[in-house]
Amino acid sequence: MSNLNLQSMIGGWIIGDFEPSLNKNPNFEVGIKNYNAGEFVDKHYHKVAVEYTVIIEGIAVMNGIQYHTGDIVVVNPNQISDFRAITDVKTVVVKIPSVKNDKYLIND
């Protein structure tokens, strides 16, 4: 049995091909992300990974569409995505596969 804390993980990412990780795994990534109202993630895309974002609690806007508790957003490779928390938001994010350096920022 281990006793770890989410705060010891980088950016809420807990499983994937990175360190620290609860399970270093090249097949997928799991992140538990908490955002305060007003926080955002800049526009970006992934060339390889599919990203699944589950809104566990709160309201967020991704690509101009408002999502609420229980919604699931699928972002395929090369699709541009952004994220803005309207309220405090809790998400679970799964990316398949776990690919290092597969996040490309969009400079408008």
PDB file of N, CA and C in Angstrom:
ATOM      1  N   MET A   1       0.843  -1.168   0.000  1.00  0.00           N
ATOM      2  CA  MET A   1       0.000   0.000   0.000  1.00  0.00           C
ATOM      3  C   MET A   1       0.894   1.238   0.000  1.00  0.00           C
ATOM      4  N   SER A   2       0.522   2.204  -0.814  1.00  0.00           N
ATOM      5  CA  SER A   2       1.247   3.465  -0.889  1.00  0.00           C
ATOM      6  C   SER A   2       0.321   4.594  -0.483  1.00  0.00           C
ATOM      7  N   ASN A   3       0.902   5.668  -0.015  1.00  0.00           N
ATOM      8  CA  ASN A   3       0.132   6.854   0.326  1.00  0.00           C
ATOM      9  C   ASN A   3       0.760   8.031  -0.399  1.00  0.00           C
ATOM     10  N   LEU A   4       0.114   8.478  -1.468  1.00  0.00           N
ATOM     11  CA  LEU A   4       0.611   9.584  -2.269  1.00  0.00           C
ATOM     12  C   LEU A   4      -0.433  10.687  -2.276  1.00  0.00           C
ATOM     13  N   ASN A   5      -0.106  11.816  -2.883  1.00  0.00           N
ATOM     14  CA  ASN A   5      -1.034  12.936  -2.931  1.00  0.00           C
ATOM     15  C   ASN A   5      -1.039  13.523  -4.330  1.00  0.00           C
ATOM     16  N   LEU A   6      -2.204  13.912  -4.782  1.00  0.00           N
ATOM     17  CA  LEU A   6      -2.352  14.494  -6.120  1.00  0.00           C
ATOM     18  C   LEU A   6      -1.448  15.719  -6.295  1.00  0.00           C
ATOM     19  N   GLN A   7      -1.212  16.443  -5.222  1.00  0.00           N
ATOM     20  CA  GLN A   7      -0.378  17.644  -5.314  1.00  0.00           C
ATOM     21  C   GLN A   7       1.080  17.317  -5.630  1.00  0.00           C
ATOM     22  N   SER A   8       1.494  16.070  -5.434  1.00  0.00           N
ATOM     23  CA  SER A   8       2.869  15.686  -5.762  1.00  0.00           C
ATOM     24  C   SER A   8       3.038  15.364  -7.250  1.00  0.00           C
ATOM     25  N   MET A   9       1.924  15.332  -7.982  1.00  0.00           N
ATOM     26  CA  MET A   9       1.953  15.064  -9.419  1.00  0.00           C
ATOM     27  C   MET A   9       2.031  16.400 -10.165  1.00  0.00           C
ATOM     28  N   ILE A  10       2.620  16.406 -11.323  1.00  0.00           N
ATOM     29  CA  ILE A  10       2.774  17.635 -12.096  1.00  0.00           C
ATOM     30  C   ILE A  10       1.494  17.919 -12.875  1.00  0.00           C
ATOM     31  N   GLY A  11       0.851  19.036 -12.558  1.00  0.00           N
ATOM     32  CA  GLY A  11      -0.344  19.457 -13.276  1.00  0.00           C
ATOM     33  C   GLY A  11      -1.520  18.512 -13.164  1.00  0.00           C
ATOM     34  N   GLY A  12      -1.526  17.636 -12.159  1.00  0.00           N
ATOM     35  CA  GLY A  12      -2.621  16.693 -11.991  1.00  0.00           C
ATOM     36  C   GLY A  12      -2.492  15.415 -12.797  1.00  0.00           C
ATOM     37  N   TRP A  13      -1.420  15.297 -13.591  1.00  0.00           N
ATOM     38  CA  TRP A  13      -1.229  14.095 -14.407  1.00  0.00           C
ATOM     39  C   TRP A  13      -0.695  12.981 -13.522  1.00  0.00           C
ATOM     40  N   ILE A  14      -1.431  11.853 -13.473  1.00  0.00           N
ATOM     41  CA  ILE A  14      -1.081  10.791 -12.526  1.00  0.00           C
ATOM     42  C   ILE A  14      -0.581   9.504 -13.178  1.00  0.00           C
ATOM     43  N   ILE A  15      -0.977   9.256 -14.421  1.00  0.00           N
ATOM     44  CA  ILE A  15      -0.536   8.043 -15.123  1.00  0.00           C
ATOM     45  C   ILE A  15      -0.130   8.437 -16.537  1.00  0.00           C
ATOM     46  N   GLY A  16       0.998   7.907 -17.013  1.00  0.00           N
ATOM     47  CA  GLY A  16       1.457   8.177 -18.371  1.00  0.00           C
ATOM     48  C   GLY A  16       2.954   7.981 -18.477  1.00  0.00           C
ATOM     49  N   ASP A  17       3.477   8.259 -19.638  1.00  0.00           N
ATOM     50  CA  ASP A  17       4.895   8.054 -19.921  1.00  0.00           C
ATOM     51  C   ASP A  17       5.693   9.291 -19.510  1.00  0.00           C
ATOM     52  N   PHE A  18       5.676   9.593 -18.211  1.00  0.00           N
ATOM     53  CA  PHE A  18       6.359  10.749 -17.648  1.00  0.00           C
ATOM     54  C   PHE A  18       6.640  10.468 -16.176  1.00  0.00           C
ATOM     55  N   GLU A  19       7.417  11.336 -15.569  1.00  0.00           N
ATOM     56  CA  GLU A  19       7.724  11.244 -14.140  1.00  0.00           C
ATOM     57  C   GLU A  19       7.364  12.561 -13.476  1.00  0.00           C
ATOM     58  N   PRO A  20       6.813  12.560 -12.284  1.00  0.00           N
ATOM     59  CA  PRO A  20       6.383  11.375 -11.555  1.00  0.00           C
ATOM     60  C   PRO A  20       5.114  10.788 -12.173  1.00  0.00           C
ATOM     61  N   SER A  21       4.908   9.516 -11.969  1.00  0.00           N
ATOM     62  CA  SER A  21       3.730   8.829 -12.458  1.00  0.00           C
ATOM     63  C   SER A  21       3.422   7.656 -11.543  1.00  0.00           C
ATOM     64  N   LEU A  22       2.151   7.426 -11.291  1.00  0.00           N
ATOM     65  CA  LEU A  22       1.758   6.267 -10.497  1.00  0.00           C
ATOM     66  C   LEU A  22       1.988   4.980 -11.265  1.00  0.00           C
ATOM     67  N   ASN A  23       1.922   5.095 -12.604  1.00  0.00           N
ATOM     68  CA  ASN A  23       2.147   3.957 -13.490  1.00  0.00           C
ATOM     69  C   ASN A  23       2.732   4.507 -14.781  1.00  0.00           C
ATOM     70  N   LYS A  24       4.033   4.378 -14.958  1.00  0.00           N
ATOM     71  CA  LYS A  24       4.692   4.882 -16.173  1.00  0.00           C
ATOM     72  C   LYS A  24       4.236   4.009 -17.337  1.00  0.00           C
ATOM     73  N   ASN A  25       3.423   4.611 -18.217  1.00  0.00           N
ATOM     74  CA  ASN A  25       2.732   3.826 -19.223  1.00  0.00           C
ATOM     75  C   ASN A  25       2.689   4.590 -20.546  1.00  0.00           C
ATOM     76  N   PRO A  26       3.224   4.029 -21.623  1.00  0.00           N
ATOM     77  CA  PRO A  26       3.205   4.720 -22.914  1.00  0.00           C
ATOM     78  C   PRO A  26       1.861   4.634 -23.641  1.00  0.00           C
ATOM     79  N   ASN A  27       0.941   3.820 -23.136  1.00  0.00           N
ATOM     80  CA  ASN A  27      -0.317   3.596 -23.844  1.00  0.00           C
ATOM     81  C   ASN A  27      -1.381   4.650 -23.592  1.00  0.00           C
ATOM     82  N   PHE A  28      -1.344   5.283 -22.428  1.00  0.00           N
ATOM     83  CA  PHE A  28      -2.345   6.295 -22.126  1.00  0.00           C
ATOM     84  C   PHE A  28      -1.886   7.177 -20.969  1.00  0.00           C
ATOM     85  N   GLU A  29      -2.563   8.327 -20.825  1.00  0.00           N
ATOM     86  CA  GLU A  29      -2.322   9.254 -19.728  1.00  0.00           C
ATOM     87  C   GLU A  29      -3.641   9.511 -19.020  1.00  0.00           C
ATOM     88  N   VAL A  30      -3.560   9.735 -17.719  1.00  0.00           N
ATOM     89  CA  VAL A  30      -4.726  10.126 -16.936  1.00  0.00           C
ATOM     90  C   VAL A  30      -4.355  11.333 -16.104  1.00  0.00           C
ATOM     91  N   GLY A  31      -5.208  12.342 -16.146  1.00  0.00           N
ATOM     92  CA  GLY A  31      -4.999  13.536 -15.341  1.00  0.00           C
ATOM     93  C   GLY A  31      -6.266  13.910 -14.604  1.00  0.00           C
ATOM     94  N   ILE A  32      -6.113  14.339 -13.375  1.00  0.00           N
ATOM     95  CA  ILE A  32      -7.216  14.878 -12.593  1.00  0.00           C
ATOM     96  C   ILE A  32      -6.907  16.359 -12.429  1.00  0.00           C
ATOM     97  N   LYS A  33      -7.705  17.171 -13.065  1.00  0.00           N
ATOM     98  CA  LYS A  33      -7.392  18.589 -13.181  1.00  0.00           C
ATOM     99  C   LYS A  33      -8.442  19.422 -12.450  1.00  0.00           C
ATOM    100  N   ASN A  34      -7.985  20.380 -11.674  1.00  0.00           N
ATOM    101  CA  ASN A  34      -8.861  21.313 -10.977  1.00  0.00           C
ATOM    102  C   ASN A  34      -8.536  22.722 -11.449  1.00  0.00           C
ATOM    103  N   TYR A  35      -9.566  23.463 -11.822  1.00  0.00           N
ATOM    104  CA  TYR A  35      -9.393  24.824 -12.303  1.00  0.00           C
ATOM    105  C   TYR A  35     -10.271  25.762 -11.483  1.00  0.00           C
ATOM    106  N   ASN A  36      -9.747  26.924 -11.156  1.00  0.00           N
ATOM    107  CA  ASN A  36     -10.549  27.970 -10.543  1.00  0.00           C
ATOM    108  C   ASN A  36     -11.252  28.744 -11.647  1.00  0.00           C
ATOM    109  N   ALA A  37     -12.406  29.305 -11.318  1.00  0.00           N
ATOM    110  CA  ALA A  37     -13.145  30.123 -12.288  1.00  0.00           C
ATOM    111  C   ALA A  37     -12.200  31.151 -12.903  1.00  0.00           C
ATOM    112  N   GLY A  38     -12.240  31.253 -14.230  1.00  0.00           N
ATOM    113  CA  GLY A  38     -11.399  32.207 -14.949  1.00  0.00           C
ATOM    114  C   GLY A  38     -10.095  31.631 -15.466  1.00  0.00           C
ATOM    115  N   GLU A  39      -9.649  30.496 -14.920  1.00  0.00           N
ATOM    116  CA  GLU A  39      -8.412  29.891 -15.429  1.00  0.00           C
ATOM    117  C   GLU A  39      -8.655  29.345 -16.829  1.00  0.00           C
ATOM    118  N   PHE A  40      -7.576  29.288 -17.606  1.00  0.00           N
ATOM    119  CA  PHE A  40      -7.719  28.814 -18.984  1.00  0.00           C
ATOM    120  C   PHE A  40      -6.469  28.065 -19.431  1.00  0.00           C
ATOM    121  N   VAL A  41      -6.652  27.298 -20.490  1.00  0.00           N
ATOM    122  CA  VAL A  41      -5.566  26.611 -21.189  1.00  0.00           C
ATOM    123  C   VAL A  41      -5.564  27.174 -22.605  1.00  0.00           C
ATOM    124  N   ASP A  42      -4.415  27.645 -23.052  1.00  0.00           N
ATOM    125  CA  ASP A  42      -4.305  28.242 -24.379  1.00  0.00           C
ATOM    126  C   ASP A  42      -4.638  27.248 -25.485  1.00  0.00           C
ATOM    127  N   LYS A  43      -4.970  27.794 -26.653  1.00  0.00           N
ATOM    128  CA  LYS A  43      -5.242  26.957 -27.822  1.00  0.00           C
ATOM    129  C   LYS A  43      -4.031  26.083 -28.117  1.00  0.00           C
ATOM    130  N   HIS A  44      -4.322  24.817 -28.398  1.00  0.00           N
ATOM    131  CA  HIS A  44      -3.261  23.862 -28.702  1.00  0.00           C
ATOM    132  C   HIS A  44      -3.867  22.664 -29.434  1.00  0.00           C
ATOM    133  N   TYR A  45      -3.005  21.800 -29.904  1.00  0.00           N
ATOM    134  CA  TYR A  45      -3.457  20.552 -30.505  1.00  0.00           C
ATOM    135  C   TYR A  45      -2.412  19.480 -30.244  1.00  0.00           C
ATOM    136  N   HIS A  46      -2.822  18.242 -30.477  1.00  0.00           N
ATOM    137  CA  HIS A  46      -1.929  17.092 -30.362  1.00  0.00           C
ATOM    138  C   HIS A  46      -1.865  16.433 -31.727  1.00  0.00           C
ATOM    139  N   LYS A  47      -0.687  16.089 -32.175  1.00  0.00           N
ATOM    140  CA  LYS A  47      -0.547  15.443 -33.483  1.00  0.00           C
ATOM    141  C   LYS A  47      -0.885  13.965 -33.420  1.00  0.00           C
ATOM    142  N   VAL A  48      -0.694  13.338 -32.249  1.00  0.00           N
ATOM    143  CA  VAL A  48      -0.862  11.893 -32.131  1.00  0.00           C
ATOM    144  C   VAL A  48      -2.032  11.516 -31.229  1.00  0.00           C
ATOM    145  N   ALA A  49      -2.117  12.109 -30.065  1.00  0.00           N
ATOM    146  CA  ALA A  49      -3.048  11.664 -29.023  1.00  0.00           C
ATOM    147  C   ALA A  49      -4.478  12.132 -29.264  1.00  0.00           C
ATOM    148  N   VAL A  50      -5.414  11.272 -28.879  1.00  0.00           N
ATOM    149  CA  VAL A  50      -6.819  11.628 -28.719  1.00  0.00           C
ATOM    150  C   VAL A  50      -6.986  12.007 -27.253  1.00  0.00           C
ATOM    151  N   GLU A  51      -7.713  13.100 -27.000  1.00  0.00           N
ATOM    152  CA  GLU A  51      -7.892  13.572 -25.630  1.00  0.00           C
ATOM    153  C   GLU A  51      -9.370  13.532 -25.270  1.00  0.00           C
ATOM    154  N   TYR A  52      -9.676  12.881 -24.154  1.00  0.00           N
ATOM    155  CA  TYR A  52     -11.034  12.781 -23.633  1.00  0.00           C
ATOM    156  C   TYR A  52     -11.093  13.593 -22.343  1.00  0.00           C
ATOM    157  N   THR A  53     -11.953  14.588 -22.304  1.00  0.00           N
ATOM    158  CA  THR A  53     -12.112  15.399 -21.101  1.00  0.00           C
ATOM    159  C   THR A  53     -13.508  15.183 -20.546  1.00  0.00           C
ATOM    160  N   VAL A  54     -13.576  14.743 -19.295  1.00  0.00           N
ATOM    161  CA  VAL A  54     -14.846  14.552 -18.600  1.00  0.00           C
ATOM    162  C   VAL A  54     -15.000  15.692 -17.597  1.00  0.00           C
ATOM    163  N   ILE A  55     -16.087  16.443 -17.712  1.00  0.00           N
ATOM    164  CA  ILE A  55     -16.362  17.507 -16.760  1.00  0.00           C
ATOM    165  C   ILE A  55     -17.028  16.841 -15.546  1.00  0.00           C
ATOM    166  N   ILE A  56     -16.270  16.697 -14.485  1.00  0.00           N
ATOM    167  CA  ILE A  56     -16.784  16.049 -13.275  1.00  0.00           C
ATOM    168  C   ILE A  56     -17.680  17.016 -12.505  1.00  0.00           C
ATOM    169  N   GLU A  57     -17.275  18.277 -12.479  1.00  0.00           N
ATOM    170  CA  GLU A  57     -18.061  19.282 -11.757  1.00  0.00           C
ATOM    171  C   GLU A  57     -17.756  20.653 -12.330  1.00  0.00           C
ATOM    172  N   GLY A  58     -18.790  21.446 -12.563  1.00  0.00           N
ATOM    173  CA  GLY A  58     -18.592  22.822 -12.984  1.00  0.00           C
ATOM    174  C   GLY A  58     -19.005  23.082 -14.420  1.00  0.00           C
ATOM    175  N   ILE A  59     -18.639  24.293 -14.872  1.00  0.00           N
ATOM    176  CA  ILE A  59     -18.965  24.741 -16.229  1.00  0.00           C
ATOM    177  C   ILE A  59     -17.683  25.249 -16.872  1.00  0.00           C
ATOM    178  N   ALA A  60     -17.423  24.774 -18.086  1.00  0.00           N
ATOM    179  CA  ALA A  60     -16.239  25.192 -18.838  1.00  0.00           C
ATOM    180  C   ALA A  60     -16.631  25.446 -20.284  1.00  0.00           C
ATOM    181  N   VAL A  61     -15.814  26.241 -20.958  1.00  0.00           N
ATOM    182  CA  VAL A  61     -16.000  26.486 -22.386  1.00  0.00           C
ATOM    183  C   VAL A  61     -14.772  25.962 -23.111  1.00  0.00           C
ATOM    184  N   MET A  62     -15.016  25.146 -24.141  1.00  0.00           N
ATOM    185  CA  MET A  62     -13.960  24.647 -25.008  1.00  0.00           C
ATOM    186  C   MET A  62     -14.373  24.975 -26.438  1.00  0.00           C
ATOM    187  N   ASN A  63     -13.512  25.696 -27.137  1.00  0.00           N
ATOM    188  CA  ASN A  63     -13.784  26.068 -28.525  1.00  0.00           C
ATOM    189  C   ASN A  63     -15.137  26.750 -28.689  1.00  0.00           C
ATOM    190  N   GLY A  64     -15.488  27.602 -27.725  1.00  0.00           N
ATOM    191  CA  GLY A  64     -16.716  28.371 -27.817  1.00  0.00           C
ATOM    192  C   GLY A  64     -17.983  27.627 -27.424  1.00  0.00           C
ATOM    193  N   ILE A  65     -17.855  26.368 -27.018  1.00  0.00           N
ATOM    194  CA  ILE A  65     -19.020  25.573 -26.613  1.00  0.00           C
ATOM    195  C   ILE A  65     -18.978  25.385 -25.107  1.00  0.00           C
ATOM    196  N   GLN A  66     -20.114  25.621 -24.463  1.00  0.00           N
ATOM    197  CA  GLN A  66     -20.186  25.490 -23.012  1.00  0.00           C
ATOM    198  C   GLN A  66     -20.510  24.039 -22.631  1.00  0.00           C
ATOM    199  N   TYR A  67     -19.736  23.517 -21.684  1.00  0.00           N
ATOM    200  CA  TYR A  67     -19.919  22.158 -21.186  1.00  0.00           C
ATOM    201  C   TYR A  67     -20.184  22.197 -19.693  1.00  0.00           C
ATOM    202  N   HIS A  68     -20.988  21.226 -19.229  1.00  0.00           N
ATOM    203  CA  HIS A  68     -21.424  21.177 -17.839  1.00  0.00           C
ATOM    204  C   HIS A  68     -21.086  19.818 -17.216  1.00  0.00           C
ATOM    205  N   THR A  69     -21.310  19.735 -15.916  1.00  0.00           N
ATOM    206  CA  THR A  69     -21.096  18.496 -15.171  1.00  0.00           C
ATOM    207  C   THR A  69     -21.667  17.306 -15.945  1.00  0.00           C
ATOM    208  N   GLY A  70     -20.839  16.291 -16.155  1.00  0.00           N
ATOM    209  CA  GLY A  70     -21.259  15.070 -16.844  1.00  0.00           C
ATOM    210  C   GLY A  70     -20.947  15.037 -18.328  1.00  0.00           C
ATOM    211  N   ASP A  71     -20.628  16.179 -18.911  1.00  0.00           N
ATOM    212  CA  ASP A  71     -20.302  16.199 -20.340  1.00  0.00           C
ATOM    213  C   ASP A  71     -18.924  15.605 -20.592  1.00  0.00           C
ATOM    214  N   ILE A  72     -18.773  14.990 -21.755  1.00  0.00           N
ATOM    215  CA  ILE A  72     -17.503  14.410 -22.190  1.00  0.00           C
ATOM    216  C   ILE A  72     -17.154  15.020 -23.542  1.00  0.00           C
ATOM    217  N   VAL A  73     -15.941  15.527 -23.639  1.00  0.00           N
ATOM    218  CA  VAL A  73     -15.477  16.164 -24.870  1.00  0.00           C
ATOM    219  C   VAL A  73     -14.345  15.314 -25.442  1.00  0.00           C
ATOM    220  N   VAL A  74     -14.455  14.964 -26.729  1.00  0.00           N
ATOM    221  CA  VAL A  74     -13.427  14.190 -27.410  1.00  0.00           C
ATOM    222  C   VAL A  74     -12.726  15.107 -28.403  1.00  0.00           C
ATOM    223  N   VAL A  75     -11.409  15.223 -28.262  1.00  0.00           N
ATOM    224  CA  VAL A  75     -10.611  16.034 -29.180  1.00  0.00           C
ATOM    225  C   VAL A  75      -9.655  15.092 -29.912  1.00  0.00           C
ATOM    226  N   ASN A  76      -9.829  15.008 -31.212  1.00  0.00           N
ATOM    227  CA  ASN A  76      -9.020  14.106 -32.027  1.00  0.00           C
ATOM    228  C   ASN A  76      -7.698  14.760 -32.422  1.00  0.00           C
ATOM    229  N   PRO A  77      -6.732  13.971 -32.881  1.00  0.00           N
ATOM    230  CA  PRO A  77      -5.457  14.542 -33.317  1.00  0.00           C
ATOM    231  C   PRO A  77      -5.659  15.659 -34.339  1.00  0.00           C
ATOM    232  N   ASN A  78      -4.844  16.685 -34.198  1.00  0.00           N
ATOM    233  CA  ASN A  78      -4.817  17.846 -35.082  1.00  0.00           C
ATOM    234  C   ASN A  78      -6.019  18.770 -34.956  1.00  0.00           C
ATOM    235  N   GLN A  79      -6.938  18.490 -34.031  1.00  0.00           N
ATOM    236  CA  GLN A  79      -8.033  19.417 -33.755  1.00  0.00           C
ATOM    237  C   GLN A  79      -7.556  20.427 -32.717  1.00  0.00           C
ATOM    238  N   ILE A  80      -7.771  21.686 -32.990  1.00  0.00           N
ATOM    239  CA  ILE A  80      -7.361  22.732 -32.062  1.00  0.00           C
ATOM    240  C   ILE A  80      -8.375  22.806 -30.923  1.00  0.00           C
ATOM    241  N   SER A  81      -7.849  22.962 -29.712  1.00  0.00           N
ATOM    242  CA  SER A  81      -8.688  22.994 -28.524  1.00  0.00           C
ATOM    243  C   SER A  81      -8.190  24.069 -27.571  1.00  0.00           C
ATOM    244  N   ASP A  82      -9.117  24.628 -26.814  1.00  0.00           N
ATOM    245  CA  ASP A  82      -8.762  25.493 -25.706  1.00  0.00           C
ATOM    246  C   ASP A  82      -9.705  25.163 -24.556  1.00  0.00           C
ATOM    247  N   PHE A  83      -9.529  25.814 -23.414  1.00  0.00           N
ATOM    248  CA  PHE A  83     -10.340  25.504 -22.237  1.00  0.00           C
ATOM    249  C   PHE A  83     -10.387  26.735 -21.352  1.00  0.00           C
ATOM    250  N   ARG A  84     -11.583  27.090 -20.908  1.00  0.00           N
ATOM    251  CA  ARG A  84     -11.735  28.187 -19.945  1.00  0.00           C
ATOM    252  C   ARG A  84     -12.761  27.755 -18.904  1.00  0.00           C
ATOM    253  N   ALA A  85     -12.381  27.863 -17.631  1.00  0.00           N
ATOM    254  CA  ALA A  85     -13.286  27.542 -16.532  1.00  0.00           C
ATOM    255  C   ALA A  85     -14.210  28.726 -16.277  1.00  0.00           C
ATOM    256  N   ILE A  86     -15.504  28.517 -16.407  1.00  0.00           N
ATOM    257  CA  ILE A  86     -16.485  29.552 -16.107  1.00  0.00           C
ATOM    258  C   ILE A  86     -16.742  29.582 -14.603  1.00  0.00           C
ATOM    259  N   THR A  87     -16.899  28.415 -14.010  1.00  0.00           N
ATOM    260  CA  THR A  87     -16.987  28.251 -12.562  1.00  0.00           C
ATOM    261  C   THR A  87     -15.757  27.451 -12.138  1.00  0.00           C
ATOM    262  N   ASP A  88     -15.603  27.161 -10.866  1.00  0.00           N
ATOM    263  CA  ASP A  88     -14.587  26.196 -10.468  1.00  0.00           C
ATOM    264  C   ASP A  88     -14.936  24.877 -11.156  1.00  0.00           C
ATOM    265  N   VAL A  89     -13.924  24.219 -11.730  1.00  0.00           N
ATOM    266  CA  VAL A  89     -14.161  23.022 -12.541  1.00  0.00           C
ATOM    267  C   VAL A  89     -13.219  21.907 -12.109  1.00  0.00           C
ATOM    268  N   LYS A  90     -13.766  20.690 -12.066  1.00  0.00           N
ATOM    269  CA  LYS A  90     -12.970  19.483 -11.851  1.00  0.00           C
ATOM    270  C   LYS A  90     -13.146  18.600 -13.075  1.00  0.00           C
ATOM    271  N   THR A  91     -12.034  18.110 -13.609  1.00  0.00           N
ATOM    272  CA  THR A  91     -12.094  17.249 -14.790  1.00  0.00           C
ATOM    273  C   THR A  91     -11.237  16.005 -14.585  1.00  0.00           C
ATOM    274  N   VAL A  92     -11.548  14.995 -15.354  1.00  0.00           N
ATOM    275  CA  VAL A  92     -10.657  13.859 -15.553  1.00  0.00           C
ATOM    276  C   VAL A  92     -10.339  13.860 -17.036  1.00  0.00           C
ATOM    277  N   VAL A  93      -9.051  13.792 -17.362  1.00  0.00           N
ATOM    278  CA  VAL A  93      -8.615  13.821 -18.755  1.00  0.00           C
ATOM    279  C   VAL A  93      -7.848  12.539 -19.043  1.00  0.00           C
ATOM    280  N   VAL A  94      -8.193  11.900 -20.153  1.00  0.00           N
ATOM    281  CA  VAL A  94      -7.481  10.709 -20.617  1.00  0.00           C
ATOM    282  C   VAL A  94      -6.952  11.012 -22.007  1.00  0.00           C
ATOM    283  N   LYS A  95      -5.668  10.752 -22.220  1.00  0.00           N
ATOM    284  CA  LYS A  95      -5.066  10.908 -23.547  1.00  0.00           C
ATOM    285  C   LYS A  95      -4.511   9.558 -23.984  1.00  0.00           C
ATOM    286  N   ILE A  96      -4.791   9.213 -25.222  1.00  0.00           N
ATOM    287  CA  ILE A  96      -4.348   7.937 -25.777  1.00  0.00           C
ATOM    288  C   ILE A  96      -3.680   8.197 -27.112  1.00  0.00           C
ATOM    289  N   PRO A  97      -2.417   7.771 -27.271  1.00  0.00           N
ATOM    290  CA  PRO A  97      -1.471   7.225 -26.297  1.00  0.00           C
ATOM    291  C   PRO A  97      -0.787   8.353 -25.520  1.00  0.00           C
ATOM    292  N   SER A  98       0.108   7.957 -24.627  1.00  0.00           N
ATOM    293  CA  SER A  98       0.928   8.924 -23.903  1.00  0.00           C
ATOM    294  C   SER A  98       2.167   9.198 -24.748  1.00  0.00           C
ATOM    295  N   VAL A  99       2.218  10.392 -25.327  1.00  0.00           N
ATOM    296  CA  VAL A  99       3.314  10.743 -26.226  1.00  0.00           C
ATOM    297  C   VAL A  99       3.991  11.998 -25.692  1.00  0.00           C
ATOM    298  N   LYS A 100       5.263  11.907 -25.408  1.00  0.00           N
ATOM    299  CA  LYS A 100       6.015  13.053 -24.913  1.00  0.00           C
ATOM    300  C   LYS A 100       6.059  14.149 -25.974  1.00  0.00           C
ATOM    301  N   ASN A 101       5.942  15.384 -25.524  1.00  0.00           N
ATOM    302  CA  ASN A 101       6.051  16.565 -26.389  1.00  0.00           C
ATOM    303  C   ASN A 101       5.019  16.588 -27.517  1.00  0.00           C
ATOM    304  N   ASP A 102       3.812  16.066 -27.245  1.00  0.00           N
ATOM    305  CA  ASP A 102       2.747  16.055 -28.257  1.00  0.00           C
ATOM    306  C   ASP A 102       1.720  17.152 -27.990  1.00  0.00           C
ATOM    307  N   LYS A 103       2.153  18.287 -27.476  1.00  0.00           N
ATOM    308  CA  LYS A 103       1.277  19.432 -27.277  1.00  0.00           C
ATOM    309  C   LYS A 103       1.881  20.610 -28.031  1.00  0.00           C
ATOM    310  N   TYR A 104       1.117  21.137 -28.993  1.00  0.00           N
ATOM    311  CA  TYR A 104       1.591  22.212 -29.853  1.00  0.00           C
ATOM    312  C   TYR A 104       0.717  23.442 -29.632  1.00  0.00           C
ATOM    313  N   LEU A 105       1.301  24.498 -29.101  1.00  0.00           N
ATOM    314  CA  LEU A 105       0.575  25.721 -28.826  1.00  0.00           C
ATOM    315  C   LEU A 105       0.303  26.494 -30.112  1.00  0.00           C
ATOM    316  N   ILE A 106      -0.836  27.147 -30.160  1.00  0.00           N
ATOM    317  CA  ILE A 106      -1.230  27.977 -31.295  1.00  0.00           C
ATOM    318  C   ILE A 106      -0.978  29.420 -30.900  1.00  0.00           C
ATOM    319  N   ASN A 107      -0.188  30.115 -31.676  1.00  0.00           N
ATOM    320  CA  ASN A 107       0.075  31.528 -31.435  1.00  0.00           C
ATOM    321  C   ASN A 107      -0.776  32.348 -32.385  1.00  0.00           C
ATOM    322  N   ASP A 108      -1.844  32.939 -31.834  1.00  0.00           N
ATOM    323  CA  ASP A 108      -2.736  33.769 -32.688  1.00  0.00           C
ATOM    324  C   ASP A 108      -2.093  35.072 -33.052  1.00  0.00           C
TER     325      ASP A 108
END
